[in-house]
Amino acid sequence: MATITLKVPDKELSIFEAYARDNNKSLSEIFLAMMLERLEDEYDQRIADEAYTDYIESGYKSTPMSDFWAELDAEV
């Protein structure tokens, strides 16, 4: 397993340590989980932005749900 060294100001370190202590986790567990969550969020946002851009560029127009239900002859 690799080791990463972070330099943080003492004030921030005490905040990180308190958070880790309150969650019964080590600093390593907290930093790893937070970093992975951030990377996943950024990836999800990028994919969503690309999908939205593709949708807009396609010229496709969405259909209101009321029209969909009317086609099925269903009551809402």
PDB file of N, CA and C in Angstrom:
ATOM      1  N   MET A   1       0.839  -1.167   0.000  1.00  0.00           N
ATOM      2  CA  MET A   1       0.000   0.000   0.000  1.00  0.00           C
ATOM      3  C   MET A   1       0.890   1.237   0.000  1.00  0.00           C
ATOM      4  N   ALA A   2       0.492   2.236  -0.758  1.00  0.00           N
ATOM      5  CA  ALA A   2       1.269   3.463  -0.865  1.00  0.00           C
ATOM      6  C   ALA A   2       0.977   4.399   0.302  1.00  0.00           C
ATOM      7  N   THR A   3       1.901   5.307   0.534  1.00  0.00           N
ATOM      8  CA  THR A   3       1.749   6.308   1.578  1.00  0.00           C
ATOM      9  C   THR A   3       1.779   7.683   0.946  1.00  0.00           C
ATOM     10  N   ILE A   4       0.861   8.546   1.364  1.00  0.00           N
ATOM     11  CA  ILE A   4       0.810   9.925   0.886  1.00  0.00           C
ATOM     12  C   ILE A   4       0.955  10.827   2.097  1.00  0.00           C
ATOM     13  N   THR A   5       1.773  11.848   1.972  1.00  0.00           N
ATOM     14  CA  THR A   5       1.975  12.792   3.060  1.00  0.00           C
ATOM     15  C   THR A   5       1.272  14.101   2.706  1.00  0.00           C
ATOM     16  N   LEU A   6       0.477  14.603   3.644  1.00  0.00           N
ATOM     17  CA  LEU A   6      -0.210  15.868   3.454  1.00  0.00           C
ATOM     18  C   LEU A   6       0.297  16.867   4.479  1.00  0.00           C
ATOM     19  N   LYS A   7       0.495  18.093   4.041  1.00  0.00           N
ATOM     20  CA  LYS A   7       0.842  19.156   4.971  1.00  0.00           C
ATOM     21  C   LYS A   7      -0.402  20.005   5.154  1.00  0.00           C
ATOM     22  N   VAL A   8      -0.870  20.082   6.393  1.00  0.00           N
ATOM     23  CA  VAL A   8      -2.067  20.869   6.698  1.00  0.00           C
ATOM     24  C   VAL A   8      -1.780  21.767   7.894  1.00  0.00           C
ATOM     25  N   PRO A   9      -2.382  22.941   7.900  1.00  0.00           N
ATOM     26  CA  PRO A   9      -2.220  23.815   9.077  1.00  0.00           C
ATOM     27  C   PRO A   9      -2.804  23.143  10.320  1.00  0.00           C
ATOM     28  N   ASP A  10      -2.244  23.475  11.476  1.00  0.00           N
ATOM     29  CA  ASP A  10      -2.676  22.862  12.734  1.00  0.00           C
ATOM     30  C   ASP A  10      -4.174  23.023  12.976  1.00  0.00           C
ATOM     31  N   LYS A  11      -4.723  24.195  12.637  1.00  0.00           N
ATOM     32  CA  LYS A  11      -6.144  24.439  12.868  1.00  0.00           C
ATOM     33  C   LYS A  11      -6.999  23.440  12.082  1.00  0.00           C
ATOM     34  N   GLU A  12      -6.655  23.238  10.812  1.00  0.00           N
ATOM     35  CA  GLU A  12      -7.404  22.289   9.991  1.00  0.00           C
ATOM     36  C   GLU A  12      -7.189  20.860  10.471  1.00  0.00           C
ATOM     37  N   LEU A  13      -5.984  20.544  10.908  1.00  0.00           N
ATOM     38  CA  LEU A  13      -5.703  19.203  11.413  1.00  0.00           C
ATOM     39  C   LEU A  13      -6.599  18.880  12.597  1.00  0.00           C
ATOM     40  N   SER A  14      -6.779  19.837  13.492  1.00  0.00           N
ATOM     41  CA  SER A  14      -7.631  19.572  14.656  1.00  0.00           C
ATOM     42  C   SER A  14      -9.078  19.344  14.223  1.00  0.00           C
ATOM     43  N   ILE A  15      -9.525  20.023  13.185  1.00  0.00           N
ATOM     44  CA  ILE A  15     -10.883  19.806  12.659  1.00  0.00           C
ATOM     45  C   ILE A  15     -10.986  18.401  12.070  1.00  0.00           C
ATOM     46  N   PHE A  16      -9.981  18.016  11.274  1.00  0.00           N
ATOM     47  CA  PHE A  16      -9.977  16.675  10.663  1.00  0.00           C
ATOM     48  C   PHE A  16      -9.956  15.590  11.737  1.00  0.00           C
ATOM     49  N   GLU A  17      -9.102  15.782  12.745  1.00  0.00           N
ATOM     50  CA  GLU A  17      -9.004  14.783  13.810  1.00  0.00           C
ATOM     51  C   GLU A  17     -10.316  14.661  14.588  1.00  0.00           C
ATOM     52  N   ALA A  18     -10.961  15.785  14.847  1.00  0.00           N
ATOM     53  CA  ALA A  18     -12.238  15.750  15.569  1.00  0.00           C
ATOM     54  C   ALA A  18     -13.295  15.022  14.730  1.00  0.00           C
ATOM     55  N   TYR A  19     -13.314  15.289  13.453  1.00  0.00           N
ATOM     56  CA  TYR A  19     -14.275  14.622  12.568  1.00  0.00           C
ATOM     57  C   TYR A  19     -14.027  13.117  12.556  1.00  0.00           C
ATOM     58  N   ALA A  20     -12.770  12.726  12.416  1.00  0.00           N
ATOM     59  CA  ALA A  20     -12.422  11.300  12.412  1.00  0.00           C
ATOM     60  C   ALA A  20     -12.808  10.649  13.738  1.00  0.00           C
ATOM     61  N   ARG A  21     -12.500  11.317  14.821  1.00  0.00           N
ATOM     62  CA  ARG A  21     -12.821  10.783  16.153  1.00  0.00           C
ATOM     63  C   ARG A  21     -14.341  10.629  16.324  1.00  0.00           C
ATOM     64  N   ASP A  22     -15.099  11.650  15.899  1.00  0.00           N
ATOM     65  CA  ASP A  22     -16.560  11.606  16.016  1.00  0.00           C
ATOM     66  C   ASP A  22     -17.171  10.488  15.187  1.00  0.00           C
ATOM     67  N   ASN A  23     -16.470  10.077  14.127  1.00  0.00           N
ATOM     68  CA  ASN A  23     -16.979   9.028  13.240  1.00  0.00           C
ATOM     69  C   ASN A  23     -16.281   7.683  13.452  1.00  0.00           C
ATOM     70  N   ASN A  24     -15.487   7.601  14.509  1.00  0.00           N
ATOM     71  CA  ASN A  24     -14.770   6.367  14.851  1.00  0.00           C
ATOM     72  C   ASN A  24     -13.975   5.818  13.668  1.00  0.00           C
ATOM     73  N   LYS A  25     -13.264   6.708  12.988  1.00  0.00           N
ATOM     74  CA  LYS A  25     -12.442   6.312  11.842  1.00  0.00           C
ATOM     75  C   LYS A  25     -11.073   6.955  11.975  1.00  0.00           C
ATOM     76  N   SER A  26     -10.135   6.406  11.238  1.00  0.00           N
ATOM     77  CA  SER A  26      -8.799   7.003  11.208  1.00  0.00           C
ATOM     78  C   SER A  26      -8.787   8.139  10.193  1.00  0.00           C
ATOM     79  N   LEU A  27      -7.782   8.996  10.300  1.00  0.00           N
ATOM     80  CA  LEU A  27      -7.642  10.063   9.305  1.00  0.00           C
ATOM     81  C   LEU A  27      -7.495   9.480   7.904  1.00  0.00           C
ATOM     82  N   SER A  28      -6.764   8.388   7.789  1.00  0.00           N
ATOM     83  CA  SER A  28      -6.586   7.755   6.477  1.00  0.00           C
ATOM     84  C   SER A  28      -7.918   7.316   5.893  1.00  0.00           C
ATOM     85  N   GLU A  29      -8.753   6.698   6.722  1.00  0.00           N
ATOM     86  CA  GLU A  29     -10.074   6.253   6.237  1.00  0.00           C
ATOM     87  C   GLU A  29     -10.929   7.441   5.806  1.00  0.00           C
ATOM     88  N   ILE A  30     -10.883   8.511   6.595  1.00  0.00           N
ATOM     89  CA  ILE A  30     -11.676   9.703   6.286  1.00  0.00           C
ATOM     90  C   ILE A  30     -11.204  10.328   4.976  1.00  0.00           C
ATOM     91  N   PHE A  31      -9.899  10.538   4.840  1.00  0.00           N
ATOM     92  CA  PHE A  31      -9.382  11.176   3.631  1.00  0.00           C
ATOM     93  C   PHE A  31      -9.631  10.321   2.391  1.00  0.00           C
ATOM     94  N   LEU A  32      -9.441   9.019   2.509  1.00  0.00           N
ATOM     95  CA  LEU A  32      -9.657   8.136   1.358  1.00  0.00           C
ATOM     96  C   LEU A  32     -11.125   8.149   0.942  1.00  0.00           C
ATOM     97  N   ALA A  33     -12.030   8.032   1.909  1.00  0.00           N
ATOM     98  CA  ALA A  33     -13.459   8.027   1.590  1.00  0.00           C
ATOM     99  C   ALA A  33     -13.883   9.351   0.967  1.00  0.00           C
ATOM    100  N   MET A  34     -13.413  10.456   1.527  1.00  0.00           N
ATOM    101  CA  MET A  34     -13.782  11.777   1.000  1.00  0.00           C
ATOM    102  C   MET A  34     -13.239  11.988  -0.412  1.00  0.00           C
ATOM    103  N   MET A  35     -12.010  11.566  -0.643  1.00  0.00           N
ATOM    104  CA  MET A  35     -11.407  11.744  -1.970  1.00  0.00           C
ATOM    105  C   MET A  35     -12.140  10.898  -3.003  1.00  0.00           C
ATOM    106  N   LEU A  36     -12.439   9.658  -2.661  1.00  0.00           N
ATOM    107  CA  LEU A  36     -13.164   8.794  -3.597  1.00  0.00           C
ATOM    108  C   LEU A  36     -14.557   9.345  -3.884  1.00  0.00           C
ATOM    109  N   GLU A  37     -15.230   9.849  -2.850  1.00  0.00           N
ATOM    110  CA  GLU A  37     -16.559  10.427  -3.035  1.00  0.00           C
ATOM    111  C   GLU A  37     -16.494  11.645  -3.958  1.00  0.00           C
ATOM    112  N   ARG A  38     -15.482  12.478  -3.752  1.00  0.00           N
ATOM    113  CA  ARG A  38     -15.321  13.684  -4.588  1.00  0.00           C
ATOM    114  C   ARG A  38     -15.061  13.301  -6.039  1.00  0.00           C
ATOM    115  N   LEU A  39     -14.192  12.329  -6.265  1.00  0.00           N
ATOM    116  CA  LEU A  39     -13.901  11.885  -7.625  1.00  0.00           C
ATOM    117  C   LEU A  39     -15.144  11.321  -8.302  1.00  0.00           C
ATOM    118  N   GLU A  40     -15.921  10.539  -7.560  1.00  0.00           N
ATOM    119  CA  GLU A  40     -17.147   9.963  -8.110  1.00  0.00           C
ATOM    120  C   GLU A  40     -18.155  11.060  -8.450  1.00  0.00           C
ATOM    121  N   ASP A  41     -18.292  12.051  -7.558  1.00  0.00           N
ATOM    122  CA  ASP A  41     -19.210  13.160  -7.815  1.00  0.00           C
ATOM    123  C   ASP A  41     -18.806  13.933  -9.075  1.00  0.00           C
ATOM    124  N   GLU A  42     -17.519  14.207  -9.215  1.00  0.00           N
ATOM    125  CA  GLU A  42     -17.042  14.935 -10.395  1.00  0.00           C
ATOM    126  C   GLU A  42     -17.252  14.127 -11.668  1.00  0.00           C
ATOM    127  N   TYR A  43     -17.014  12.822 -11.600  1.00  0.00           N
ATOM    128  CA  TYR A  43     -17.231  11.960 -12.762  1.00  0.00           C
ATOM    129  C   TYR A  43     -18.714  11.943 -13.140  1.00  0.00           C
ATOM    130  N   ASP A  44     -19.582  11.768 -12.151  1.00  0.00           N
ATOM    131  CA  ASP A  44     -21.024  11.761 -12.400  1.00  0.00           C
ATOM    132  C   ASP A  44     -21.479  13.076 -13.018  1.00  0.00           C
ATOM    133  N   GLN A  45     -20.946  14.191 -12.518  1.00  0.00           N
ATOM    134  CA  GLN A  45     -21.321  15.499 -13.058  1.00  0.00           C
ATOM    135  C   GLN A  45     -20.870  15.644 -14.508  1.00  0.00           C
ATOM    136  N   ARG A  46     -19.669  15.179 -14.807  1.00  0.00           N
ATOM    137  CA  ARG A  46     -19.157  15.257 -16.180  1.00  0.00           C
ATOM    138  C   ARG A  46     -20.021  14.432 -17.130  1.00  0.00           C
ATOM    139  N   ILE A  47     -20.389  13.226 -16.715  1.00  0.00           N
ATOM    140  CA  ILE A  47     -21.232  12.363 -17.546  1.00  0.00           C
ATOM    141  C   ILE A  47     -22.608  13.006 -17.749  1.00  0.00           C
ATOM    142  N   ALA A  48     -23.177  13.583 -16.692  1.00  0.00           N
ATOM    143  CA  ALA A  48     -24.479  14.244 -16.798  1.00  0.00           C
ATOM    144  C   ALA A  48     -24.397  15.450 -17.733  1.00  0.00           C
ATOM    145  N   ASP A  49     -23.336  16.234 -17.620  1.00  0.00           N
ATOM    146  CA  ASP A  49     -23.168  17.393 -18.506  1.00  0.00           C
ATOM    147  C   ASP A  49     -23.058  16.967 -19.961  1.00  0.00           C
ATOM    148  N   GLU A  50     -22.294  15.899 -20.221  1.00  0.00           N
ATOM    149  CA  GLU A  50     -22.153  15.397 -21.587  1.00  0.00           C
ATOM    150  C   GLU A  50     -23.484  14.882 -22.123  1.00  0.00           C
ATOM    151  N   ALA A  51     -24.235  14.174 -21.300  1.00  0.00           N
ATOM    152  CA  ALA A  51     -25.538  13.646 -21.723  1.00  0.00           C
ATOM    153  C   ALA A  51     -26.500  14.791 -22.026  1.00  0.00           C
ATOM    154  N   TYR A  52     -26.486  15.820 -21.199  1.00  0.00           N
ATOM    155  CA  TYR A  52     -27.366  16.967 -21.423  1.00  0.00           C
ATOM    156  C   TYR A  52     -26.973  17.694 -22.705  1.00  0.00           C
ATOM    157  N   THR A  53     -25.679  17.880 -22.925  1.00  0.00           N
ATOM    158  CA  THR A  53     -25.212  18.519 -24.160  1.00  0.00           C
ATOM    159  C   THR A  53     -25.643  17.713 -25.374  1.00  0.00           C
ATOM    160  N   ASP A  54     -25.487  16.399 -25.315  1.00  0.00           N
ATOM    161  CA  ASP A  54     -25.938  15.538 -26.417  1.00  0.00           C
ATOM    162  C   ASP A  54     -27.429  15.682 -26.652  1.00  0.00           C
ATOM    163  N   TYR A  55     -28.211  15.744 -25.581  1.00  0.00           N
ATOM    164  CA  TYR A  55     -29.663  15.891 -25.685  1.00  0.00           C
ATOM    165  C   TYR A  55     -30.015  17.214 -26.373  1.00  0.00           C
ATOM    166  N   ILE A  56     -29.390  18.308 -25.930  1.00  0.00           N
ATOM    167  CA  ILE A  56     -29.669  19.628 -26.504  1.00  0.00           C
ATOM    168  C   ILE A  56     -29.264  19.659 -27.980  1.00  0.00           C
ATOM    169  N   GLU A  57     -28.091  19.120 -28.295  1.00  0.00           N
ATOM    170  CA  GLU A  57     -27.602  19.154 -29.674  1.00  0.00           C
ATOM    171  C   GLU A  57     -28.402  18.246 -30.603  1.00  0.00           C
ATOM    172  N   SER A  58     -29.077  17.252 -30.051  1.00  0.00           N
ATOM    173  CA  SER A  58     -29.845  16.328 -30.883  1.00  0.00           C
ATOM    174  C   SER A  58     -31.117  16.976 -31.431  1.00  0.00           C
ATOM    175  N   GLY A  59     -31.562  18.052 -30.780  1.00  0.00           N
ATOM    176  CA  GLY A  59     -32.782  18.709 -31.211  1.00  0.00           C
ATOM    177  C   GLY A  59     -34.038  17.991 -30.769  1.00  0.00           C
ATOM    178  N   TYR A  60     -33.886  16.917 -30.045  1.00  0.00           N
ATOM    179  CA  TYR A  60     -35.029  16.145 -29.564  1.00  0.00           C
ATOM    180  C   TYR A  60     -35.839  16.981 -28.589  1.00  0.00           C
ATOM    181  N   LYS A  61     -37.131  16.928 -28.710  1.00  0.00           N
ATOM    182  CA  LYS A  61     -38.015  17.632 -27.789  1.00  0.00           C
ATOM    183  C   LYS A  61     -38.741  16.609 -26.938  1.00  0.00           C
ATOM    184  N   SER A  62     -38.758  16.833 -25.659  1.00  0.00           N
ATOM    185  CA  SER A  62     -39.429  15.897 -24.757  1.00  0.00           C
ATOM    186  C   SER A  62     -40.945  16.062 -24.847  1.00  0.00           C
ATOM    187  N   THR A  63     -41.639  15.027 -24.463  1.00  0.00           N
ATOM    188  CA  THR A  63     -43.093  15.018 -24.482  1.00  0.00           C
ATOM    189  C   THR A  63     -43.601  15.165 -23.054  1.00  0.00           C
ATOM    190  N   PRO A  64     -44.582  16.039 -22.838  1.00  0.00           N
ATOM    191  CA  PRO A  64     -45.128  16.179 -21.481  1.00  0.00           C
ATOM    192  C   PRO A  64     -45.728  14.852 -21.004  1.00  0.00           C
ATOM    193  N   MET A  65     -45.625  14.594 -19.714  1.00  0.00           N
ATOM    194  CA  MET A  65     -46.168  13.357 -19.150  1.00  0.00           C
ATOM    195  C   MET A  65     -47.667  13.239 -19.395  1.00  0.00           C
ATOM    196  N   SER A  66     -48.377  14.376 -19.411  1.00  0.00           N
ATOM    197  CA  SER A  66     -49.822  14.317 -19.649  1.00  0.00           C
ATOM    198  C   SER A  66     -50.123  13.718 -21.025  1.00  0.00           C
ATOM    199  N   ASP A  67     -49.276  14.031 -22.024  1.00  0.00           N
ATOM    200  CA  ASP A  67     -49.458  13.437 -23.361  1.00  0.00           C
ATOM    201  C   ASP A  67     -49.190  11.931 -23.330  1.00  0.00           C
ATOM    202  N   PHE A  68     -48.181  11.551 -22.578  1.00  0.00           N
ATOM    203  CA  PHE A  68     -47.855  10.125 -22.460  1.00  0.00           C
ATOM    204  C   PHE A  68     -49.032   9.357 -21.866  1.00  0.00           C
ATOM    205  N   TRP A  69     -49.578   9.877 -20.758  1.00  0.00           N
ATOM    206  CA  TRP A  69     -50.704   9.198 -20.112  1.00  0.00           C
ATOM    207  C   TRP A  69     -51.933   9.185 -21.034  1.00  0.00           C
ATOM    208  N   ALA A  70     -52.142  10.267 -21.789  1.00  0.00           N
ATOM    209  CA  ALA A  70     -53.269  10.328 -22.715  1.00  0.00           C
ATOM    210  C   ALA A  70     -53.146   9.258 -23.799  1.00  0.00           C
ATOM    211  N   GLU A  71     -51.925   9.044 -24.285  1.00  0.00           N
ATOM    212  CA  GLU A  71     -51.692   7.995 -25.286  1.00  0.00           C
ATOM    213  C   GLU A  71     -52.038   6.613 -24.732  1.00  0.00           C
ATOM    214  N   LEU A  72     -51.815   6.426 -23.462  1.00  0.00           N
ATOM    215  CA  LEU A  72     -52.129   5.132 -22.834  1.00  0.00           C
ATOM    216  C   LEU A  72     -53.583   5.064 -22.385  1.00  0.00           C
ATOM    217  N   ASP A  73     -54.289   6.152 -22.589  1.00  0.00           N
ATOM    218  CA  ASP A  73     -55.678   6.246 -22.153  1.00  0.00           C
ATOM    219  C   ASP A  73     -55.797   5.926 -20.653  1.00  0.00           C
ATOM    220  N   ALA A  74     -54.887   6.531 -19.907  1.00  0.00           N
ATOM    221  CA  ALA A  74     -54.831   6.290 -18.470  1.00  0.00           C
ATOM    222  C   ALA A  74     -55.156   7.582 -17.730  1.00  0.00           C
ATOM    223  N   GLU A  75     -55.743   7.450 -16.570  1.00  0.00           N
ATOM    224  CA  GLU A  75     -56.031   8.612 -15.745  1.00  0.00           C
ATOM    225  C   GLU A  75     -54.864   8.842 -14.797  1.00  0.00           C
ATOM    226  N   VAL A  76     -54.602  10.109 -14.538  1.00  0.00           N
ATOM    227  CA  VAL A  76     -53.516  10.457 -13.622  1.00  0.00           C
ATOM    228  C   VAL A  76     -54.097  10.909 -12.306  1.00  0.00           C
TER     229      VAL A  76
END
